[in-house]
């Protein structure tokens, strides 16, 4: 009964690449999304080199560059008394970083999926899954005109985000859940210059600054989740008061103009869900979500899409049973992302950086350590490789060099 090899529900940063990669391999793919593109969504939308490297491998990096998104050449980590400036190492020969608006990036990915041969239906809402006994065999949906339709597939993939309808329909359990640790609001500003990306960490507060499309700057301000009500009571006042913790940034923002209204949420859970079952799989935020504070979400969505495409290809070529391929996909996804997950939990706690001030000062003086901390921020070096007692003690004591590390 399978009309398609795969139906992909959700066509943003996980679903569109998955549809593209499968279609490029010659599979019959149907991609569905309730949104029409271009379309915006809440997102920090930063691309570290490990993310741009995947775009490069897919042949899409030059296309992104041609959208007018400014390339990012440096990263500044400011912890109050100490500011560290550098950039992470290249990944697979790609060093460039970007912070594209999601309305641009997502539309580009959807176009690439269509060009690869995937059938795409925007403005379409999936209402239920179709089952045969205990196996998912398709989806029910309503089209933009409100008409009901059913399509069948060999596998149905939920790439439909944090509140995934597919995950709820299959009752996918959370295998690891840490709840929300921070809340945040962000806005886009015109006339706010920034030299690269800026991260400001203070006790109980974080500020992220990214240059993006249309000569605008995204400024993100995070507080602990248990202070959500106070923040929400007067978002602008709390936001601007937090910027005063970084006086130079506060002056730049005050001289600029807010271009769009504040957007934000306190619904930022950290979890892994069971990501596969009988005839179904999950990818992107539907499978794995972490606080956006580390800017890893898009990179992890791309990674999940790539791993799942490889797993499904193996199963569809009958090299391995579908269930074994999907189990292997989830295992590899967790292996490749667990260090990032743990590092994100620590970052989202918004602990006071002051006890590590001497360590950060030593890092700022040491080019090797600066390179390593940038790779930690970028998710290509496990944070424990630098943030461990021996290395902290060695640097604080004035070591000139560290043992060589690789990502």
Protein backbone atom coordinates (compact mmCIF):
# COMPACT_ATOMS: atom_id res chain seq x y z
CA UNK A 1 0.00 0.00 0.00
CA UNK A 2 3.00 2.34 0.31
CA UNK A 3 2.55 5.24 -2.10
CA UNK A 4 5.83 6.77 -0.92
CA UNK A 5 9.02 5.40 0.50
CA UNK A 6 8.87 8.09 3.21
CA UNK A 7 6.51 10.79 4.38
CA UNK A 8 8.29 13.59 6.25
CA UNK A 9 6.08 15.68 8.53
CA UNK A 10 7.69 19.10 9.02
CA UNK A 11 9.96 20.86 6.53
CA UNK A 12 12.28 23.07 8.50
CA UNK A 13 15.90 22.43 9.51
CA UNK A 14 15.55 18.67 9.99
CA UNK A 15 12.69 17.67 7.69
CA UNK A 16 13.69 19.57 4.55
CA UNK A 17 17.29 18.25 4.53
CA UNK A 18 16.01 14.72 5.19
CA UNK A 19 13.56 14.96 2.29
CA UNK A 20 16.32 16.36 0.09
CA UNK A 21 18.85 13.68 0.97
CA UNK A 22 16.39 10.83 0.44
CA UNK A 23 15.12 12.29 -2.84
CA UNK A 24 18.70 12.67 -4.07
CA UNK A 25 19.10 8.93 -3.50
CA UNK A 26 16.11 8.29 -5.75
CA UNK A 27 13.44 7.58 -3.13
CA UNK A 28 9.82 8.68 -3.40
CA UNK A 29 9.44 11.30 -0.67
CA UNK A 30 6.43 13.35 0.38
CA UNK A 31 7.16 16.36 2.60
CA UNK A 32 4.38 18.10 4.53
CA UNK A 33 4.27 21.30 6.54
CA UNK A 34 1.41 23.37 7.90
CA UNK A 35 3.45 26.54 7.21
CA UNK A 36 3.90 28.26 3.88
CA UNK A 37 7.44 29.28 3.01
CA UNK A 38 9.15 31.66 3.45
CA UNK A 39 8.10 31.54 7.09
CA UNK A 40 9.76 32.65 10.33
CA UNK A 41 10.03 30.73 13.60
CA UNK A 42 11.57 31.29 17.04
CA UNK A 43 15.24 30.38 16.78
CA UNK A 44 18.75 31.59 17.65
CA UNK A 45 19.65 30.48 14.09
CA UNK A 46 23.44 30.45 14.46
CA UNK A 47 25.55 28.17 12.26
CA UNK A 48 28.90 27.03 13.67
CA UNK A 49 31.50 25.54 11.26
CA UNK A 50 30.26 22.00 11.89
CA UNK A 51 26.88 23.21 10.55
CA UNK A 52 28.15 25.19 7.57
CA UNK A 53 30.36 22.20 6.71
CA UNK A 54 27.22 20.09 6.25
CA UNK A 55 25.68 22.78 4.04
CA UNK A 56 28.90 22.74 2.05
CA UNK A 57 28.74 18.98 1.69
CA UNK A 58 25.16 19.28 0.41
CA UNK A 59 26.17 21.94 -2.12
CA UNK A 60 24.13 24.66 -0.41
CA UNK A 61 26.72 26.85 1.33
CA UNK A 62 27.32 29.14 -1.64
CA UNK A 63 23.57 29.50 -2.04
CA UNK A 64 23.32 30.72 1.54
CA UNK A 65 26.20 33.15 1.03
CA UNK A 66 24.38 34.62 -1.98
CA UNK A 67 21.35 35.54 0.18
CA UNK A 68 23.33 38.45 1.62
CA UNK A 69 23.83 36.98 5.08
CA UNK A 70 27.03 38.46 6.52
CA UNK A 71 29.84 35.97 7.18
CA UNK A 72 30.98 35.84 10.80
CA UNK A 73 34.73 35.93 11.33
CA UNK A 74 35.12 35.98 15.12
CA UNK A 75 33.56 34.97 18.42
CA UNK A 76 33.84 36.94 21.67
CA UNK A 77 33.15 35.30 25.03
CA UNK A 78 32.78 37.95 27.73
CA UNK A 79 32.48 36.77 31.34
CA UNK A 80 32.67 40.18 33.01
CA UNK A 81 36.25 40.95 34.00
CA UNK A 82 37.62 38.86 31.11
CA UNK A 83 36.88 38.88 27.39
CA UNK A 84 38.16 36.11 25.12
CA UNK A 85 38.18 36.59 21.35
CA UNK A 86 38.92 33.96 18.72
CA UNK A 87 37.31 31.58 16.28
CA UNK A 88 36.82 27.81 16.15
CA UNK A 89 38.77 25.55 13.82
CA UNK A 90 37.46 24.70 10.39
CA UNK A 91 35.45 21.49 9.97
CA UNK A 92 36.09 19.54 6.76
CA UNK A 93 37.79 22.63 5.38
CA UNK A 94 34.89 24.98 6.21
CA UNK A 95 35.54 27.79 8.68
CA UNK A 96 32.84 30.33 7.81
CA UNK A 97 29.96 30.98 10.22
CA UNK A 98 26.56 32.55 9.53
CA UNK A 99 23.42 33.58 11.39
CA UNK A 100 20.69 33.52 8.72
CA UNK A 101 17.09 34.46 9.37
CA UNK A 102 14.98 31.32 9.47
CA UNK A 103 12.61 32.64 6.82
CA UNK A 104 15.61 32.64 4.45
CA UNK A 105 17.32 29.43 5.58
CA UNK A 106 14.19 27.30 5.78
CA UNK A 107 12.92 28.45 2.38
CA UNK A 108 16.32 27.64 0.88
CA UNK A 109 16.22 24.13 2.35
CA UNK A 110 12.65 23.56 1.15
CA UNK A 111 13.62 24.68 -2.36
CA UNK A 112 16.57 22.28 -2.32
CA UNK A 113 14.29 19.40 -1.32
CA UNK A 114 11.91 20.20 -4.17
CA UNK A 115 14.77 20.47 -6.64
CA UNK A 116 15.98 17.03 -5.53
CA UNK A 117 12.64 15.55 -6.51
CA UNK A 118 10.70 15.41 -3.23
CA UNK A 119 6.98 16.16 -3.51
CA UNK A 120 6.20 19.00 -1.12
CA UNK A 121 2.86 20.19 0.19
CA UNK A 122 2.89 23.39 2.25
CA UNK A 123 -0.10 24.69 4.17
CA UNK A 124 -1.03 21.08 4.95
CA UNK A 125 -1.84 19.89 8.47
CA UNK A 126 -1.31 16.29 9.54
CA UNK A 127 -4.24 15.31 11.73
CA UNK A 128 -3.46 11.68 12.50
CA UNK A 129 -1.40 8.65 11.61
CA UNK A 130 -2.69 5.65 9.70
CA UNK A 131 -2.08 2.28 11.36
CA UNK A 132 -2.24 -1.34 10.32
CA UNK A 133 -2.26 -3.38 13.52
CA UNK A 134 0.68 -1.91 15.48
CA UNK A 135 2.54 -0.44 12.48
CA UNK A 136 2.36 3.11 11.14
CA UNK A 137 1.64 2.96 7.40
CA UNK A 138 0.72 6.55 6.53
CA UNK A 139 -0.79 9.89 7.51
CA UNK A 140 -4.14 11.63 7.45
CA UNK A 141 -4.05 15.34 6.56
CA UNK A 142 -6.07 18.33 5.53
CA UNK A 143 -4.94 20.40 2.58
CA UNK A 144 -5.06 24.23 2.35
CA UNK A 145 -8.67 24.02 1.16
CA UNK A 146 -9.69 21.93 4.18
CA UNK A 147 -10.04 18.71 2.22
CA UNK A 148 -9.09 15.46 3.96
CA UNK A 149 -6.49 13.24 2.35
CA UNK A 150 -4.66 10.00 3.24
CA UNK A 151 -1.22 9.00 1.99
CA UNK A 152 0.66 5.76 2.69
CA UNK A 153 4.39 5.26 3.14
CA UNK A 154 7.03 2.73 4.09
CA UNK A 155 8.05 5.01 6.97
CA UNK A 156 6.60 8.18 8.50
CA UNK A 157 9.08 10.64 9.97
CA UNK A 158 8.13 13.29 12.50
CA UNK A 159 10.30 16.35 11.91
CA UNK A 160 7.62 18.56 13.39
CA UNK A 161 9.45 20.08 16.31
CA UNK A 162 9.21 20.35 20.05
CA UNK A 163 5.45 19.68 20.19
CA UNK A 164 5.57 16.96 17.54
CA UNK A 165 2.17 15.59 16.56
CA UNK A 166 3.86 12.44 15.31
CA UNK A 167 5.63 11.91 18.64
CA UNK A 168 2.34 12.31 20.48
CA UNK A 169 0.50 9.99 18.10
CA UNK A 170 3.00 7.17 18.66
CA UNK A 171 3.34 8.02 22.36
CA UNK A 172 7.12 8.32 22.07
CA UNK A 173 8.51 8.37 25.62
CA UNK A 174 11.19 10.75 26.86
CA UNK A 175 14.23 8.59 27.58
CA UNK A 176 16.06 11.47 29.26
CA UNK A 177 14.35 14.65 30.40
CA UNK A 178 15.87 17.54 32.35
CA UNK A 179 13.12 20.17 32.06
CA UNK A 180 13.60 23.85 31.21
CA UNK A 181 16.47 25.75 32.80
CA UNK A 182 16.23 29.16 31.21
CA UNK A 183 13.75 31.54 29.60
CA UNK A 184 14.61 34.09 26.96
CA UNK A 185 13.43 36.96 24.80
CA UNK A 186 15.14 38.29 21.71
CA UNK A 187 14.62 41.06 19.19
CA UNK A 188 16.16 42.29 15.94
CA UNK A 189 17.83 45.69 15.91
CA UNK A 190 18.97 48.02 13.15
CA UNK A 191 21.99 50.26 13.59
CA UNK A 192 23.64 48.02 16.20
CA UNK A 193 27.14 47.15 14.92
CA UNK A 194 28.78 43.96 16.09
CA UNK A 195 32.19 42.59 15.25
CA UNK A 196 31.28 38.93 14.92
CA UNK A 197 29.29 37.00 17.49
CA UNK A 198 29.25 38.09 21.13
CA UNK A 199 28.44 35.90 24.14
CA UNK A 200 28.05 37.59 27.54
CA UNK A 201 27.80 35.43 30.63
CA UNK A 202 26.87 36.86 34.00
CA UNK A 203 25.50 35.28 37.15
CA UNK A 204 21.89 34.43 36.32
CA UNK A 205 21.97 36.16 32.93
CA UNK A 206 23.18 35.52 29.40
CA UNK A 207 23.28 37.78 26.33
CA UNK A 208 23.88 36.52 22.79
CA UNK A 209 24.51 38.89 19.89
CA UNK A 210 24.44 37.80 16.22
CA UNK A 211 24.66 39.76 12.93
CA UNK A 212 22.03 38.58 10.47
CA UNK A 213 20.22 39.47 7.24
CA UNK A 214 19.11 42.99 6.28
CA UNK A 215 21.96 44.60 8.25
CA UNK A 216 20.19 43.68 11.46
CA UNK A 217 21.52 42.30 14.73
CA UNK A 218 19.74 39.67 16.82
CA UNK A 219 20.16 40.31 20.57
CA UNK A 220 19.02 37.46 22.84
CA UNK A 221 18.68 37.86 26.62
CA UNK A 222 18.20 34.84 28.87
CA UNK A 223 17.21 34.54 32.54
CA UNK A 224 16.72 31.50 34.80
CA UNK A 225 13.45 29.70 34.16
CA UNK A 226 12.22 30.30 37.71
CA UNK A 227 12.29 34.07 37.01
CA UNK A 228 9.98 33.79 34.00
CA UNK A 229 7.05 35.62 35.63
CA UNK A 230 9.22 38.60 36.60
CA UNK A 231 10.73 38.78 33.12
CA UNK A 232 7.39 38.42 31.37
CA UNK A 233 5.80 41.14 33.53
CA UNK A 234 7.88 43.79 31.74
CA UNK A 235 9.97 42.24 29.00
CA UNK A 236 11.51 45.42 27.68
CA UNK A 237 12.55 46.70 31.10
CA UNK A 238 14.13 43.38 32.09
CA UNK A 239 15.80 43.01 28.71
CA UNK A 240 17.34 46.48 28.70
CA UNK A 241 18.38 46.24 32.35
CA UNK A 242 20.25 43.03 31.53
CA UNK A 243 22.07 44.74 28.67
CA UNK A 244 23.47 47.21 31.21
CA UNK A 245 25.61 44.32 32.50
CA UNK A 246 27.55 44.80 29.24
CA UNK A 247 27.83 48.61 29.09
CA UNK A 248 29.38 48.90 25.62
CA UNK A 249 26.68 46.67 24.16
CA UNK A 250 23.99 48.63 26.01
CA UNK A 251 25.27 51.86 24.43
CA UNK A 252 25.21 50.34 20.96
CA UNK A 253 21.67 49.04 21.40
CA UNK A 254 20.50 52.40 22.80
CA UNK A 255 21.86 54.12 19.68
CA UNK A 256 20.05 51.65 17.39
CA UNK A 257 16.41 50.99 16.57
CA UNK A 258 14.32 47.96 17.47
CA UNK A 259 13.18 46.54 14.11
CA UNK A 260 10.78 43.82 15.31
CA UNK A 261 8.82 43.02 18.45
CA UNK A 262 10.19 40.81 21.20
CA UNK A 263 9.82 37.06 20.82
CA UNK A 264 10.51 34.54 23.55
CA UNK A 265 9.56 31.54 25.60
CA UNK A 266 10.26 29.62 28.79
CA UNK A 267 9.38 26.30 27.17
CA UNK A 268 12.93 25.11 26.55
CA UNK A 269 13.04 21.50 27.79
CA UNK A 270 16.14 19.35 27.48
CA UNK A 271 15.37 15.80 26.39
CA UNK A 272 15.94 12.78 24.21
CA UNK A 273 12.78 11.01 23.06
CA UNK A 274 12.63 7.48 21.78
CA UNK A 275 13.19 8.30 18.13
CA UNK A 276 11.91 5.23 16.29
CA UNK A 277 9.31 2.51 16.27
CA UNK A 278 7.32 0.25 13.98
CA UNK A 279 7.08 2.25 10.76
CA UNK A 280 7.99 5.63 12.27
CA UNK A 281 10.95 7.78 13.26
CA UNK A 282 11.61 11.20 14.78
CA UNK A 283 14.28 13.73 13.83
CA UNK A 284 15.29 17.26 14.84
CA UNK A 285 13.62 18.77 17.90
CA UNK A 286 11.01 16.03 17.80
CA UNK A 287 13.74 13.56 18.72
CA UNK A 288 16.18 15.65 20.70
CA UNK A 289 15.95 19.15 22.14
CA UNK A 290 18.23 21.23 24.26
CA UNK A 291 18.28 24.85 25.48
CA UNK A 292 19.19 27.22 22.61
CA UNK A 293 21.84 28.97 24.72
CA UNK A 294 24.71 27.18 22.95
CA UNK A 295 23.42 27.79 19.42
CA UNK A 296 23.62 24.09 18.51
CA UNK A 297 20.04 23.40 17.45
CA UNK A 298 20.34 23.79 13.68
CA UNK A 299 23.60 21.86 13.58
CA UNK A 300 22.06 19.00 15.52
CA UNK A 301 18.98 19.03 13.25
CA UNK A 302 21.23 18.77 10.19
CA UNK A 303 23.19 15.96 11.84
CA UNK A 304 20.01 14.05 12.67
CA UNK A 305 18.73 14.42 9.11
CA UNK A 306 21.99 13.12 7.69
CA UNK A 307 22.15 10.15 10.06
CA UNK A 308 18.51 9.22 9.51
CA UNK A 309 18.87 9.48 5.72
CA UNK A 310 21.80 7.07 5.88
CA UNK A 311 19.86 4.67 8.13
CA UNK A 312 16.76 4.70 5.92
CA UNK A 313 18.87 4.23 2.81
CA UNK A 314 20.44 1.13 4.37
CA UNK A 315 17.02 -0.27 5.22
CA UNK A 316 15.41 0.57 1.87
CA UNK A 317 18.27 -1.12 0.03
CA UNK A 318 17.50 -4.15 2.26
CA UNK A 319 21.00 -4.08 3.66
CA UNK A 320 19.58 -4.16 7.19
CA UNK A 321 16.07 -4.51 8.66
CA UNK A 322 14.26 -1.18 9.14
CA UNK A 323 14.03 -1.54 12.92
CA UNK A 324 17.75 -2.29 13.24
CA UNK A 325 18.64 0.67 11.02
CA UNK A 326 16.45 3.04 13.05
CA UNK A 327 17.80 1.76 16.36
CA UNK A 328 21.31 2.38 15.04
CA UNK A 329 20.31 5.90 13.98
CA UNK A 330 19.12 6.78 17.48
CA UNK A 331 22.20 5.28 19.10
CA UNK A 332 24.55 7.23 16.80
CA UNK A 333 22.58 10.48 17.24
CA UNK A 334 22.88 10.22 21.00
CA UNK A 335 26.55 9.31 20.81
CA UNK A 336 27.30 12.31 18.58
CA UNK A 337 25.27 14.82 20.61
CA UNK A 338 25.55 13.78 24.25
CA UNK A 339 28.59 15.96 25.00
CA UNK A 340 26.73 18.95 23.55
CA UNK A 341 23.65 18.04 25.58
CA UNK A 342 25.61 17.89 28.85
CA UNK A 343 27.51 21.11 28.06
CA UNK A 344 24.23 22.86 27.26
CA UNK A 345 22.72 21.84 30.59
CA UNK A 346 25.68 23.38 32.41
CA UNK A 347 25.52 26.57 30.34
CA UNK A 348 21.76 26.95 30.80
CA UNK A 349 22.14 26.83 34.58
CA UNK A 350 23.51 30.40 34.27
CA UNK A 351 25.93 29.88 37.14
CA UNK A 352 28.24 32.66 38.29
CA UNK A 353 31.41 32.65 36.11
CA UNK A 354 33.35 34.61 38.77
CA UNK A 355 34.91 31.53 40.48
CA UNK A 356 36.59 30.72 37.16
CA UNK A 357 37.79 34.28 36.48
CA UNK A 358 41.47 33.36 36.85
CA UNK A 359 40.98 30.42 34.48
CA UNK A 360 39.28 32.59 31.85
CA UNK A 361 42.05 35.19 32.19
CA UNK A 362 44.64 32.47 31.62
CA UNK A 363 42.72 31.24 28.56
CA UNK A 364 42.65 34.77 27.13
CA UNK A 365 46.47 34.95 27.41
CA UNK A 366 47.05 31.52 25.87
CA UNK A 367 46.43 31.13 22.09
CA UNK A 368 46.18 27.35 22.33
CA UNK A 369 43.63 27.50 25.14
CA UNK A 370 41.72 30.24 23.30
CA UNK A 371 41.46 27.98 20.26
CA UNK A 372 40.28 25.13 22.46
CA UNK A 373 37.59 27.14 24.22
CA UNK A 374 36.31 28.31 20.84
CA UNK A 375 36.06 24.67 19.74
CA UNK A 376 34.16 23.87 22.94
CA UNK A 377 31.72 26.68 22.15
CA UNK A 378 31.41 25.35 18.59
CA UNK A 379 30.65 21.81 19.72
CA UNK A 380 33.68 20.23 18.05
CA UNK A 381 35.69 19.66 21.25
CA UNK A 382 34.13 17.95 24.31
CA UNK A 383 33.86 20.54 27.07
CA UNK A 384 35.49 18.17 29.56
CA UNK A 385 38.67 18.30 27.48
CA UNK A 386 39.17 21.87 28.70
CA UNK A 387 36.86 22.24 31.70
CA UNK A 388 38.49 19.68 33.98
CA UNK A 389 40.39 20.15 37.22
CA UNK A 390 43.81 19.28 35.81
CA UNK A 391 43.59 21.63 32.84
CA UNK A 392 42.05 24.45 34.86
CA UNK A 393 44.83 24.12 37.45
CA UNK A 394 47.53 23.93 34.76
CA UNK A 395 46.33 27.06 32.97
CA UNK A 396 45.71 29.02 36.14
CA UNK A 397 49.25 28.19 37.24
CA UNK A 398 50.56 29.81 34.08
CA UNK A 399 51.22 26.91 31.69
CA UNK A 400 52.33 28.11 28.27
CA UNK A 401 50.99 25.13 26.34
CA UNK A 402 48.45 22.37 26.67
CA UNK A 403 48.56 18.80 25.43
CA UNK A 404 47.29 18.63 21.81
CA UNK A 405 43.59 17.96 21.51
CA UNK A 406 41.33 17.07 18.64
CA UNK A 407 37.59 17.46 18.25
